Amino acid sequence: MRVGLTGGIATGKSTVSAYLQEQGVVVIDADLVARAVTEPGGLAYEEVKAVFPSAFSDGQLVRAKLGDIIFHDSEKRLVLNELMHPKIRQQMLQQADEYEQAGQALIVFDIPLLLEGDWKQLVEQVVVVYCKADLQKKRLMERNQLTAEEAQARIDSQLDIEQKKRLADYVLSNEGTREALYQQIDQWLETVRMAG
C-alpha cells in the first residue's frame, strides 16, 4: 500500500515521519529526493543547471541562490517546478518499486505539497497531520524565529489546513502531547496492517 503523508508547515509532519521510520515503516521523503535529483549526476541536475546557471557554484547547486531567484519570481518558480516535479516523481516511484520488490507492504510518501500538486494519484490513502491554524502559526513563529506577518505569509503559500483536513482519508491531530500523537499513529498503523 502506498500512502501520502502531508500537513501544513509546522503541524508536525516531520515528527510523524520520524516516528514511522522508528517503527520500521519505509518513508520516502520528497524533500530529500528533490535534493538528490539536483546533485551532480542526478536526474534533474543538467536541466536545472542549464536554466539557472547563476544558482550554481563549482558545479554544485547553491540552494540559497536558487531560493533568491525563484522566491520573488513566480514564473521562474513555475519553470523550476516543471523541471523538478517529473524527476522527483520518477525517482520516488522507482524507490517505491524497489522497496515493494524487496517485500515492503507499506510505503509512505512524505510530500509537503501533496494536495497542492498532482501527487494524489500516486497514493491509495492521504494522511494529513493537523493542528488548528492559530497553533500552527505560534509553532512556526517559535521554531523559525519569525514575526506574525512572516509566519502568516508562509502559511498562506500553502493550501489552508482546514481544506487539507477535509481532503484527507485519515487525520492525525497534533494539538496535544507527542505521546498522544504517537498513539494515533499506532492506531492508524493497526488499521493499515489489518486492511493489508
N, C-alpha and C. Protein backbone atom coordinates (compact mmCIF):
# COMPACT_ATOMS: atom_id res chain seq x y z
N MET A 1 0.84 -1.19 0.00
CA MET A 1 0.00 0.00 0.00
C MET A 1 0.88 1.25 0.00
N ARG A 2 0.51 2.21 -0.84
CA ARG A 2 1.25 3.48 -0.89
C ARG A 2 0.39 4.58 -0.28
N VAL A 3 0.97 5.28 0.70
CA VAL A 3 0.25 6.30 1.46
C VAL A 3 0.97 7.63 1.29
N GLY A 4 0.20 8.71 1.13
CA GLY A 4 0.78 10.05 1.09
C GLY A 4 0.62 10.71 2.43
N LEU A 5 1.73 11.18 2.99
CA LEU A 5 1.72 11.89 4.27
C LEU A 5 1.96 13.37 4.00
N THR A 6 1.08 14.21 4.50
CA THR A 6 1.24 15.65 4.30
C THR A 6 0.68 16.38 5.51
N GLY A 7 0.71 17.70 5.44
CA GLY A 7 0.22 18.53 6.53
C GLY A 7 0.53 19.97 6.17
N GLY A 8 0.37 20.87 7.11
CA GLY A 8 0.77 22.25 6.87
C GLY A 8 2.13 22.47 7.47
N ILE A 9 2.76 23.59 7.12
CA ILE A 9 4.04 23.94 7.72
C ILE A 9 3.85 24.02 9.24
N ALA A 10 4.76 23.37 9.99
CA ALA A 10 4.76 23.40 11.46
C ALA A 10 3.57 22.67 12.11
N THR A 11 2.92 21.75 11.37
CA THR A 11 1.85 20.96 12.01
C THR A 11 2.39 19.67 12.63
N GLY A 12 3.63 19.30 12.31
CA GLY A 12 4.23 18.12 12.94
C GLY A 12 4.48 16.95 12.00
N LYS A 13 4.49 17.19 10.70
CA LYS A 13 4.68 16.11 9.73
C LYS A 13 6.04 15.42 9.91
N SER A 14 7.08 16.20 10.18
CA SER A 14 8.41 15.61 10.37
C SER A 14 8.45 14.69 11.59
N THR A 15 7.72 15.06 12.63
CA THR A 15 7.63 14.23 13.84
C THR A 15 6.98 12.89 13.51
N VAL A 16 5.90 12.95 12.73
CA VAL A 16 5.19 11.73 12.32
C VAL A 16 6.10 10.87 11.45
N SER A 17 6.76 11.50 10.51
CA SER A 17 7.66 10.81 9.58
C SER A 17 8.77 10.07 10.34
N ALA A 18 9.37 10.77 11.30
CA ALA A 18 10.47 10.18 12.09
C ALA A 18 9.96 9.00 12.92
N TYR A 19 8.77 9.14 13.51
CA TYR A 19 8.20 8.06 14.32
C TYR A 19 7.89 6.84 13.44
N LEU A 20 7.35 7.06 12.26
CA LEU A 20 7.06 5.94 11.35
C LEU A 20 8.34 5.18 11.02
N GLN A 21 9.41 5.93 10.76
CA GLN A 21 10.69 5.28 10.45
C GLN A 21 11.20 4.47 11.64
N GLU A 22 11.04 5.00 12.85
CA GLU A 22 11.41 4.25 14.06
C GLU A 22 10.63 2.94 14.17
N GLN A 23 9.39 2.96 13.65
CA GLN A 23 8.54 1.75 13.70
C GLN A 23 8.83 0.80 12.53
N GLY A 24 9.84 1.13 11.73
CA GLY A 24 10.23 0.25 10.63
C GLY A 24 9.47 0.47 9.33
N VAL A 25 8.71 1.58 9.28
CA VAL A 25 7.95 1.89 8.06
C VAL A 25 8.89 2.60 7.07
N VAL A 26 8.80 2.23 5.79
CA VAL A 26 9.60 2.90 4.76
C VAL A 26 8.96 4.25 4.46
N VAL A 27 9.74 5.32 4.62
CA VAL A 27 9.27 6.67 4.30
C VAL A 27 10.17 7.23 3.20
N ILE A 28 9.55 7.63 2.09
CA ILE A 28 10.31 8.26 1.00
C ILE A 28 9.98 9.75 1.06
N ASP A 29 10.99 10.55 1.38
CA ASP A 29 10.83 11.98 1.64
C ASP A 29 11.06 12.79 0.36
N ALA A 30 10.02 13.49 -0.09
CA ALA A 30 10.11 14.27 -1.33
C ALA A 30 11.19 15.34 -1.26
N ASP A 31 11.39 15.95 -0.09
CA ASP A 31 12.42 16.99 0.04
C ASP A 31 13.82 16.40 -0.15
N LEU A 32 14.05 15.20 0.41
CA LEU A 32 15.36 14.56 0.24
C LEU A 32 15.58 14.14 -1.21
N VAL A 33 14.51 13.65 -1.84
CA VAL A 33 14.61 13.27 -3.26
C VAL A 33 14.87 14.50 -4.11
N ALA A 34 14.23 15.62 -3.77
CA ALA A 34 14.45 16.88 -4.51
C ALA A 34 15.91 17.29 -4.45
N ARG A 35 16.54 17.08 -3.29
CA ARG A 35 17.98 17.38 -3.17
C ARG A 35 18.81 16.42 -4.04
N ALA A 36 18.44 15.15 -3.97
CA ALA A 36 19.21 14.12 -4.71
C ALA A 36 19.17 14.35 -6.22
N VAL A 37 18.01 14.76 -6.75
CA VAL A 37 17.91 14.91 -8.21
C VAL A 37 18.67 16.12 -8.73
N THR A 38 19.07 17.05 -7.83
CA THR A 38 19.84 18.22 -8.27
C THR A 38 21.32 18.10 -7.92
N GLU A 39 21.73 16.95 -7.37
CA GLU A 39 23.16 16.69 -7.15
C GLU A 39 23.79 16.37 -8.50
N PRO A 40 25.12 16.58 -8.65
CA PRO A 40 25.76 16.18 -9.90
C PRO A 40 25.46 14.71 -10.22
N GLY A 41 25.00 14.46 -11.45
CA GLY A 41 24.62 13.10 -11.84
C GLY A 41 23.16 12.78 -11.56
N GLY A 42 22.46 13.67 -10.82
CA GLY A 42 21.04 13.46 -10.51
C GLY A 42 20.17 13.68 -11.72
N LEU A 43 18.94 13.19 -11.63
CA LEU A 43 18.02 13.21 -12.78
C LEU A 43 17.73 14.62 -13.32
N ALA A 44 17.73 15.64 -12.45
CA ALA A 44 17.37 17.00 -12.89
C ALA A 44 18.58 17.94 -12.96
N TYR A 45 19.76 17.44 -12.61
CA TYR A 45 20.94 18.31 -12.47
C TYR A 45 21.23 19.14 -13.72
N GLU A 46 21.38 18.46 -14.87
CA GLU A 46 21.77 19.17 -16.10
C GLU A 46 20.74 20.21 -16.52
N GLU A 47 19.46 19.85 -16.43
CA GLU A 47 18.39 20.78 -16.86
C GLU A 47 18.32 22.00 -15.95
N VAL A 48 18.39 21.78 -14.65
CA VAL A 48 18.32 22.91 -13.71
C VAL A 48 19.54 23.81 -13.90
N LYS A 49 20.71 23.20 -14.10
CA LYS A 49 21.94 23.97 -14.31
C LYS A 49 21.85 24.80 -15.59
N ALA A 50 21.25 24.23 -16.64
CA ALA A 50 21.13 24.94 -17.92
C ALA A 50 20.19 26.15 -17.80
N VAL A 51 19.13 26.00 -17.01
CA VAL A 51 18.12 27.06 -16.91
C VAL A 51 18.48 28.11 -15.84
N PHE A 52 19.14 27.65 -14.77
CA PHE A 52 19.50 28.56 -13.66
C PHE A 52 21.01 28.52 -13.38
N PRO A 53 21.84 28.87 -14.37
CA PRO A 53 23.30 28.74 -14.18
C PRO A 53 23.84 29.58 -13.02
N SER A 54 23.21 30.74 -12.73
CA SER A 54 23.72 31.60 -11.66
C SER A 54 23.48 31.02 -10.27
N ALA A 55 22.68 29.95 -10.18
CA ALA A 55 22.43 29.30 -8.87
C ALA A 55 23.48 28.23 -8.55
N PHE A 56 24.46 28.07 -9.45
CA PHE A 56 25.49 27.05 -9.25
C PHE A 56 26.84 27.68 -8.96
N SER A 57 27.60 27.00 -8.12
CA SER A 57 28.96 27.43 -7.80
C SER A 57 29.83 26.19 -7.72
N ASP A 58 30.92 26.16 -8.46
CA ASP A 58 31.82 24.99 -8.52
C ASP A 58 31.05 23.70 -8.83
N GLY A 59 30.06 23.80 -9.73
CA GLY A 59 29.32 22.62 -10.16
C GLY A 59 28.26 22.14 -9.20
N GLN A 60 28.10 22.85 -8.08
CA GLN A 60 27.10 22.45 -7.08
C GLN A 60 25.97 23.48 -7.04
N LEU A 61 24.75 22.99 -6.88
CA LEU A 61 23.62 23.89 -6.71
C LEU A 61 23.71 24.55 -5.34
N VAL A 62 23.61 25.88 -5.32
CA VAL A 62 23.56 26.61 -4.05
C VAL A 62 22.09 26.96 -3.81
N ARG A 63 21.48 26.25 -2.87
CA ARG A 63 20.03 26.37 -2.66
C ARG A 63 19.61 27.79 -2.31
N ALA A 64 20.42 28.48 -1.53
CA ALA A 64 20.07 29.85 -1.14
C ALA A 64 20.00 30.75 -2.38
N LYS A 65 20.93 30.56 -3.31
CA LYS A 65 20.91 31.36 -4.55
C LYS A 65 19.67 31.04 -5.37
N LEU A 66 19.36 29.76 -5.49
CA LEU A 66 18.18 29.35 -6.25
C LEU A 66 16.92 29.92 -5.57
N GLY A 67 16.89 29.86 -4.25
CA GLY A 67 15.77 30.41 -3.49
C GLY A 67 15.56 31.89 -3.77
N ASP A 68 16.68 32.65 -3.81
CA ASP A 68 16.61 34.09 -4.10
C ASP A 68 16.02 34.34 -5.49
N ILE A 69 16.38 33.49 -6.44
CA ILE A 69 15.90 33.66 -7.82
C ILE A 69 14.40 33.40 -7.91
N ILE A 70 13.95 32.28 -7.32
CA ILE A 70 12.54 31.87 -7.52
C ILE A 70 11.57 32.45 -6.51
N PHE A 71 12.08 32.88 -5.34
CA PHE A 71 11.17 33.33 -4.28
C PHE A 71 10.37 34.55 -4.72
N HIS A 72 11.00 35.44 -5.49
CA HIS A 72 10.34 36.68 -5.89
C HIS A 72 9.84 36.65 -7.32
N ASP A 73 9.95 35.50 -7.99
CA ASP A 73 9.56 35.43 -9.40
C ASP A 73 8.74 34.18 -9.65
N SER A 74 7.41 34.34 -9.70
CA SER A 74 6.53 33.17 -9.80
C SER A 74 6.72 32.43 -11.12
N GLU A 75 7.08 33.14 -12.20
CA GLU A 75 7.30 32.46 -13.48
C GLU A 75 8.51 31.53 -13.42
N LYS A 76 9.58 32.02 -12.80
CA LYS A 76 10.79 31.18 -12.67
C LYS A 76 10.53 30.01 -11.72
N ARG A 77 9.71 30.26 -10.69
CA ARG A 77 9.36 29.17 -9.76
C ARG A 77 8.58 28.09 -10.50
N LEU A 78 7.68 28.52 -11.37
CA LEU A 78 6.90 27.58 -12.18
C LEU A 78 7.81 26.76 -13.10
N VAL A 79 8.76 27.42 -13.72
CA VAL A 79 9.73 26.73 -14.61
C VAL A 79 10.50 25.68 -13.81
N LEU A 80 10.98 26.07 -12.63
CA LEU A 80 11.73 25.13 -11.79
C LEU A 80 10.86 23.93 -11.42
N ASN A 81 9.62 24.19 -11.01
CA ASN A 81 8.71 23.08 -10.64
C ASN A 81 8.48 22.14 -11.83
N GLU A 82 8.32 22.73 -13.02
CA GLU A 82 8.10 21.89 -14.22
C GLU A 82 9.31 21.04 -14.55
N LEU A 83 10.49 21.54 -14.22
CA LEU A 83 11.72 20.74 -14.41
C LEU A 83 11.83 19.65 -13.35
N MET A 84 11.56 20.04 -12.12
CA MET A 84 11.86 19.17 -10.97
C MET A 84 10.80 18.10 -10.71
N HIS A 85 9.52 18.46 -10.75
CA HIS A 85 8.47 17.54 -10.30
C HIS A 85 8.46 16.19 -11.03
N PRO A 86 8.58 16.18 -12.37
CA PRO A 86 8.60 14.86 -13.03
C PRO A 86 9.79 14.00 -12.59
N LYS A 87 10.93 14.65 -12.34
CA LYS A 87 12.14 13.91 -11.93
C LYS A 87 12.00 13.40 -10.49
N ILE A 88 11.43 14.23 -9.64
CA ILE A 88 11.21 13.82 -8.24
C ILE A 88 10.25 12.63 -8.21
N ARG A 89 9.16 12.77 -8.98
CA ARG A 89 8.16 11.70 -9.05
C ARG A 89 8.79 10.40 -9.56
N GLN A 90 9.56 10.52 -10.65
CA GLN A 90 10.21 9.35 -11.25
C GLN A 90 11.09 8.62 -10.22
N GLN A 91 11.89 9.40 -9.48
CA GLN A 91 12.80 8.79 -8.50
C GLN A 91 12.03 8.19 -7.32
N MET A 92 10.97 8.87 -6.87
CA MET A 92 10.19 8.34 -5.74
C MET A 92 9.50 7.03 -6.12
N LEU A 93 8.94 6.98 -7.32
CA LEU A 93 8.26 5.76 -7.77
C LEU A 93 9.25 4.62 -7.96
N GLN A 94 10.43 4.96 -8.46
CA GLN A 94 11.49 3.95 -8.63
C GLN A 94 11.87 3.35 -7.28
N GLN A 95 12.06 4.24 -6.28
CA GLN A 95 12.40 3.76 -4.93
C GLN A 95 11.27 2.89 -4.36
N ALA A 96 10.02 3.33 -4.55
CA ALA A 96 8.88 2.57 -4.03
C ALA A 96 8.83 1.18 -4.67
N ASP A 97 9.05 1.10 -5.98
CA ASP A 97 9.07 -0.19 -6.68
C ASP A 97 10.13 -1.11 -6.09
N GLU A 98 11.31 -0.55 -5.83
CA GLU A 98 12.41 -1.36 -5.28
C GLU A 98 12.06 -1.89 -3.89
N TYR A 99 11.48 -1.02 -3.05
CA TYR A 99 11.09 -1.46 -1.70
C TYR A 99 10.01 -2.54 -1.76
N GLU A 100 9.04 -2.37 -2.66
CA GLU A 100 7.96 -3.36 -2.78
C GLU A 100 8.49 -4.69 -3.29
N GLN A 101 9.43 -4.63 -4.23
CA GLN A 101 10.03 -5.87 -4.73
C GLN A 101 10.82 -6.58 -3.63
N ALA A 102 11.32 -5.78 -2.67
CA ALA A 102 12.06 -6.35 -1.54
C ALA A 102 11.12 -6.82 -0.43
N GLY A 103 9.79 -6.70 -0.66
CA GLY A 103 8.83 -7.25 0.29
C GLY A 103 8.17 -6.26 1.24
N GLN A 104 8.40 -4.96 1.05
CA GLN A 104 7.75 -3.97 1.92
C GLN A 104 6.28 -3.80 1.51
N ALA A 105 5.39 -3.96 2.49
CA ALA A 105 3.95 -3.87 2.19
C ALA A 105 3.43 -2.44 2.26
N LEU A 106 4.07 -1.59 3.08
CA LEU A 106 3.61 -0.22 3.28
C LEU A 106 4.73 0.76 2.92
N ILE A 107 4.42 1.67 2.01
CA ILE A 107 5.36 2.72 1.62
C ILE A 107 4.67 4.06 1.90
N VAL A 108 5.34 4.93 2.65
CA VAL A 108 4.79 6.26 2.93
C VAL A 108 5.59 7.30 2.14
N PHE A 109 4.89 8.07 1.32
CA PHE A 109 5.49 9.19 0.61
C PHE A 109 5.27 10.44 1.46
N ASP A 110 6.35 11.05 1.94
CA ASP A 110 6.28 12.28 2.72
C ASP A 110 6.38 13.44 1.73
N ILE A 111 5.23 14.08 1.44
CA ILE A 111 5.18 15.13 0.40
C ILE A 111 4.49 16.37 0.97
N PRO A 112 5.29 17.42 1.27
CA PRO A 112 4.70 18.62 1.87
C PRO A 112 3.54 19.20 1.04
N LEU A 113 3.68 19.24 -0.28
CA LEU A 113 2.66 19.85 -1.12
C LEU A 113 1.84 18.81 -1.88
N LEU A 114 1.59 17.68 -1.22
CA LEU A 114 0.84 16.57 -1.83
C LEU A 114 -0.49 17.03 -2.42
N LEU A 115 -1.24 17.83 -1.67
CA LEU A 115 -2.58 18.22 -2.10
C LEU A 115 -2.56 19.47 -2.99
N GLU A 116 -1.44 20.21 -2.97
CA GLU A 116 -1.33 21.38 -3.84
C GLU A 116 -0.97 20.97 -5.26
N GLY A 117 -0.22 19.88 -5.38
CA GLY A 117 0.23 19.43 -6.70
C GLY A 117 -0.63 18.28 -7.19
N ASP A 118 -0.15 17.59 -8.21
CA ASP A 118 -0.93 16.46 -8.74
C ASP A 118 -0.28 15.14 -8.32
N TRP A 119 -0.02 15.04 -7.02
CA TRP A 119 0.64 13.84 -6.47
C TRP A 119 -0.38 12.82 -5.98
N LYS A 120 -1.62 13.25 -5.80
CA LYS A 120 -2.61 12.40 -5.11
C LYS A 120 -2.83 11.07 -5.82
N GLN A 121 -2.71 11.07 -7.16
CA GLN A 121 -2.96 9.82 -7.89
C GLN A 121 -1.88 8.76 -7.65
N LEU A 122 -0.77 9.14 -7.01
CA LEU A 122 0.31 8.18 -6.74
C LEU A 122 0.01 7.31 -5.52
N VAL A 123 -0.97 7.72 -4.71
CA VAL A 123 -1.18 7.05 -3.42
C VAL A 123 -2.62 6.54 -3.28
N GLU A 124 -2.77 5.52 -2.42
CA GLU A 124 -4.09 4.94 -2.17
C GLU A 124 -4.79 5.61 -1.00
N GLN A 125 -4.01 6.30 -0.16
CA GLN A 125 -4.58 6.95 1.02
C GLN A 125 -3.79 8.22 1.32
N VAL A 126 -4.50 9.27 1.74
CA VAL A 126 -3.85 10.52 2.13
C VAL A 126 -4.02 10.71 3.64
N VAL A 127 -2.89 10.86 4.35
CA VAL A 127 -2.89 11.10 5.79
C VAL A 127 -2.42 12.54 6.01
N VAL A 128 -3.23 13.33 6.71
CA VAL A 128 -2.89 14.72 6.98
C VAL A 128 -2.58 14.89 8.47
N VAL A 129 -1.43 15.51 8.75
CA VAL A 129 -1.08 15.88 10.13
C VAL A 129 -1.66 17.27 10.35
N TYR A 130 -2.53 17.37 11.35
CA TYR A 130 -3.36 18.57 11.51
C TYR A 130 -3.17 19.22 12.87
N CYS A 131 -3.18 20.54 12.87
CA CYS A 131 -3.46 21.31 14.09
C CYS A 131 -4.13 22.60 13.64
N LYS A 132 -4.84 23.24 14.53
CA LYS A 132 -5.56 24.48 14.17
C LYS A 132 -4.58 25.56 13.74
N ALA A 133 -5.06 26.46 12.88
CA ALA A 133 -4.20 27.48 12.26
C ALA A 133 -3.49 28.37 13.28
N ASP A 134 -4.16 28.72 14.38
CA ASP A 134 -3.51 29.62 15.36
C ASP A 134 -2.33 28.92 16.04
N LEU A 135 -2.47 27.62 16.32
CA LEU A 135 -1.38 26.84 16.92
C LEU A 135 -0.25 26.64 15.90
N GLN A 136 -0.62 26.40 14.67
CA GLN A 136 0.35 26.26 13.58
C GLN A 136 1.22 27.52 13.49
N LYS A 137 0.57 28.68 13.52
CA LYS A 137 1.28 29.96 13.40
C LYS A 137 2.21 30.18 14.60
N LYS A 138 1.71 29.88 15.80
CA LYS A 138 2.52 30.03 17.02
C LYS A 138 3.77 29.13 16.96
N ARG A 139 3.57 27.87 16.55
CA ARG A 139 4.71 26.94 16.44
C ARG A 139 5.73 27.42 15.42
N LEU A 140 5.22 27.90 14.28
CA LEU A 140 6.12 28.34 13.21
C LEU A 140 6.92 29.56 13.66
N MET A 141 6.28 30.50 14.35
CA MET A 141 6.98 31.69 14.85
C MET A 141 8.09 31.28 15.83
N GLU A 142 7.77 30.34 16.73
CA GLU A 142 8.76 29.89 17.71
C GLU A 142 9.89 29.11 17.04
N ARG A 143 9.52 28.20 16.15
CA ARG A 143 10.51 27.32 15.52
C ARG A 143 11.49 28.10 14.63
N ASN A 144 10.97 29.03 13.83
CA ASN A 144 11.80 29.72 12.83
C ASN A 144 12.12 31.16 13.21
N GLN A 145 11.79 31.55 14.45
CA GLN A 145 12.05 32.92 14.91
C GLN A 145 11.47 33.95 13.94
N LEU A 146 10.18 33.81 13.61
CA LEU A 146 9.54 34.69 12.65
C LEU A 146 8.57 35.65 13.34
N THR A 147 8.31 36.77 12.67
CA THR A 147 7.24 37.66 13.14
C THR A 147 5.91 37.02 12.75
N ALA A 148 4.82 37.53 13.30
CA ALA A 148 3.49 37.02 12.97
C ALA A 148 3.22 37.15 11.48
N GLU A 149 3.64 38.27 10.89
CA GLU A 149 3.41 38.52 9.45
C GLU A 149 4.20 37.52 8.59
N GLU A 150 5.48 37.30 8.96
CA GLU A 150 6.32 36.36 8.20
C GLU A 150 5.75 34.95 8.26
N ALA A 151 5.32 34.56 9.46
CA ALA A 151 4.75 33.22 9.64
C ALA A 151 3.47 33.08 8.81
N GLN A 152 2.63 34.10 8.85
CA GLN A 152 1.37 34.05 8.11
C GLN A 152 1.61 33.95 6.61
N ALA A 153 2.61 34.67 6.11
CA ALA A 153 2.93 34.63 4.68
C ALA A 153 3.32 33.22 4.24
N ARG A 154 4.10 32.53 5.09
CA ARG A 154 4.48 31.15 4.76
C ARG A 154 3.28 30.21 4.80
N ILE A 155 2.43 30.40 5.79
CA ILE A 155 1.23 29.57 5.92
C ILE A 155 0.30 29.80 4.71
N ASP A 156 0.18 31.06 4.31
CA ASP A 156 -0.71 31.42 3.19
C ASP A 156 -0.22 30.88 1.85
N SER A 157 1.06 30.52 1.76
CA SER A 157 1.59 29.99 0.49
C SER A 157 1.17 28.53 0.27
N GLN A 158 0.57 27.92 1.30
CA GLN A 158 0.10 26.54 1.20
C GLN A 158 -1.43 26.51 1.22
N LEU A 159 -1.97 25.38 0.83
CA LEU A 159 -3.40 25.15 0.92
C LEU A 159 -3.81 25.25 2.39
N ASP A 160 -4.95 25.87 2.67
CA ASP A 160 -5.45 26.04 4.03
C ASP A 160 -5.53 24.69 4.75
N ILE A 161 -5.08 24.66 6.01
CA ILE A 161 -5.02 23.41 6.77
C ILE A 161 -6.41 22.78 6.94
N GLU A 162 -7.45 23.60 7.06
CA GLU A 162 -8.81 23.05 7.20
C GLU A 162 -9.23 22.34 5.90
N GLN A 163 -8.79 22.91 4.78
CA GLN A 163 -9.09 22.29 3.48
C GLN A 163 -8.33 20.97 3.34
N LYS A 164 -7.08 20.96 3.79
CA LYS A 164 -6.29 19.71 3.75
C LYS A 164 -6.98 18.64 4.60
N LYS A 165 -7.46 19.06 5.76
CA LYS A 165 -8.14 18.13 6.67
C LYS A 165 -9.35 17.49 5.97
N ARG A 166 -10.11 18.32 5.23
CA ARG A 166 -11.29 17.80 4.53
C ARG A 166 -10.92 16.83 3.40
N LEU A 167 -9.75 17.03 2.80
CA LEU A 167 -9.33 16.18 1.68
C LEU A 167 -8.64 14.88 2.14
N ALA A 168 -8.39 14.77 3.44
CA ALA A 168 -7.66 13.62 3.98
C ALA A 168 -8.54 12.37 4.05
N ASP A 169 -7.90 11.21 3.88
CA ASP A 169 -8.56 9.94 4.17
C ASP A 169 -8.43 9.62 5.66
N TYR A 170 -7.36 10.15 6.28
CA TYR A 170 -7.11 9.90 7.69
C TYR A 170 -6.44 11.14 8.26
N VAL A 171 -6.85 11.58 9.45
CA VAL A 171 -6.28 12.78 10.06
C VAL A 171 -5.58 12.40 11.37
N LEU A 172 -4.34 12.85 11.51
CA LEU A 172 -3.61 12.72 12.77
C LEU A 172 -3.62 14.11 13.40
N SER A 173 -4.31 14.26 14.53
CA SER A 173 -4.43 15.56 15.18
C SER A 173 -3.24 15.77 16.11
N ASN A 174 -2.48 16.83 15.86
CA ASN A 174 -1.28 17.10 16.65
C ASN A 174 -1.45 18.38 17.46
N GLU A 175 -2.40 18.33 18.41
CA GLU A 175 -2.64 19.50 19.25
C GLU A 175 -2.35 19.21 20.72
N GLY A 176 -2.01 17.97 21.01
CA GLY A 176 -1.73 17.60 22.40
C GLY A 176 -0.26 17.24 22.58
N THR A 177 -0.03 16.19 23.37
CA THR A 177 1.35 15.78 23.64
C THR A 177 1.88 14.92 22.49
N ARG A 178 3.18 14.76 22.48
CA ARG A 178 3.82 13.90 21.49
C ARG A 178 3.33 12.45 21.65
N GLU A 179 3.14 12.05 22.91
CA GLU A 179 2.67 10.67 23.19
C GLU A 179 1.28 10.46 22.59
N ALA A 180 0.42 11.48 22.70
CA ALA A 180 -0.93 11.37 22.15
C ALA A 180 -0.86 11.22 20.63
N LEU A 181 0.07 11.93 20.01
CA LEU A 181 0.26 11.83 18.56
C LEU A 181 0.74 10.42 18.20
N TYR A 182 1.72 9.92 18.96
CA TYR A 182 2.25 8.58 18.70
C TYR A 182 1.16 7.51 18.81
N GLN A 183 0.25 7.68 19.79
CA GLN A 183 -0.85 6.72 19.95
C GLN A 183 -1.75 6.71 18.71
N GLN A 184 -2.01 7.91 18.17
CA GLN A 184 -2.83 7.99 16.96
C GLN A 184 -2.13 7.31 15.77
N ILE A 185 -0.81 7.50 15.69
CA ILE A 185 -0.06 6.86 14.60
C ILE A 185 -0.14 5.35 14.72
N ASP A 186 0.02 4.86 15.96
CA ASP A 186 -0.07 3.40 16.20
C ASP A 186 -1.44 2.87 15.79
N GLN A 187 -2.50 3.61 16.13
CA GLN A 187 -3.86 3.19 15.77
C GLN A 187 -4.02 3.16 14.24
N TRP A 188 -3.48 4.18 13.59
CA TRP A 188 -3.56 4.24 12.13
C TRP A 188 -2.81 3.05 11.51
N LEU A 189 -1.62 2.78 12.04
CA LEU A 189 -0.83 1.64 11.51
C LEU A 189 -1.59 0.33 11.66
N GLU A 190 -2.29 0.18 12.80
CA GLU A 190 -3.13 -1.01 13.02
C GLU A 190 -4.16 -1.16 11.89
N THR A 191 -4.87 -0.08 11.58
CA THR A 191 -5.92 -0.15 10.55
C THR A 191 -5.32 -0.49 9.19
N VAL A 192 -4.15 0.07 8.91
CA VAL A 192 -3.49 -0.18 7.60
C VAL A 192 -3.05 -1.65 7.52
N ARG A 193 -2.49 -2.15 8.62
CA ARG A 193 -2.00 -3.53 8.61
C ARG A 193 -3.16 -4.52 8.53
N MET A 194 -4.28 -4.17 9.17
CA MET A 194 -5.47 -5.05 9.11
C MET A 194 -6.04 -5.04 7.70
N ALA A 195 -6.03 -3.86 7.06
CA ALA A 195 -6.55 -3.76 5.69
C ALA A 195 -5.65 -4.51 4.72
N GLY A 196 -4.32 -4.47 5.02
CA GLY A 196 -3.36 -5.13 4.13
C GLY A 196 -3.42 -6.61 4.33
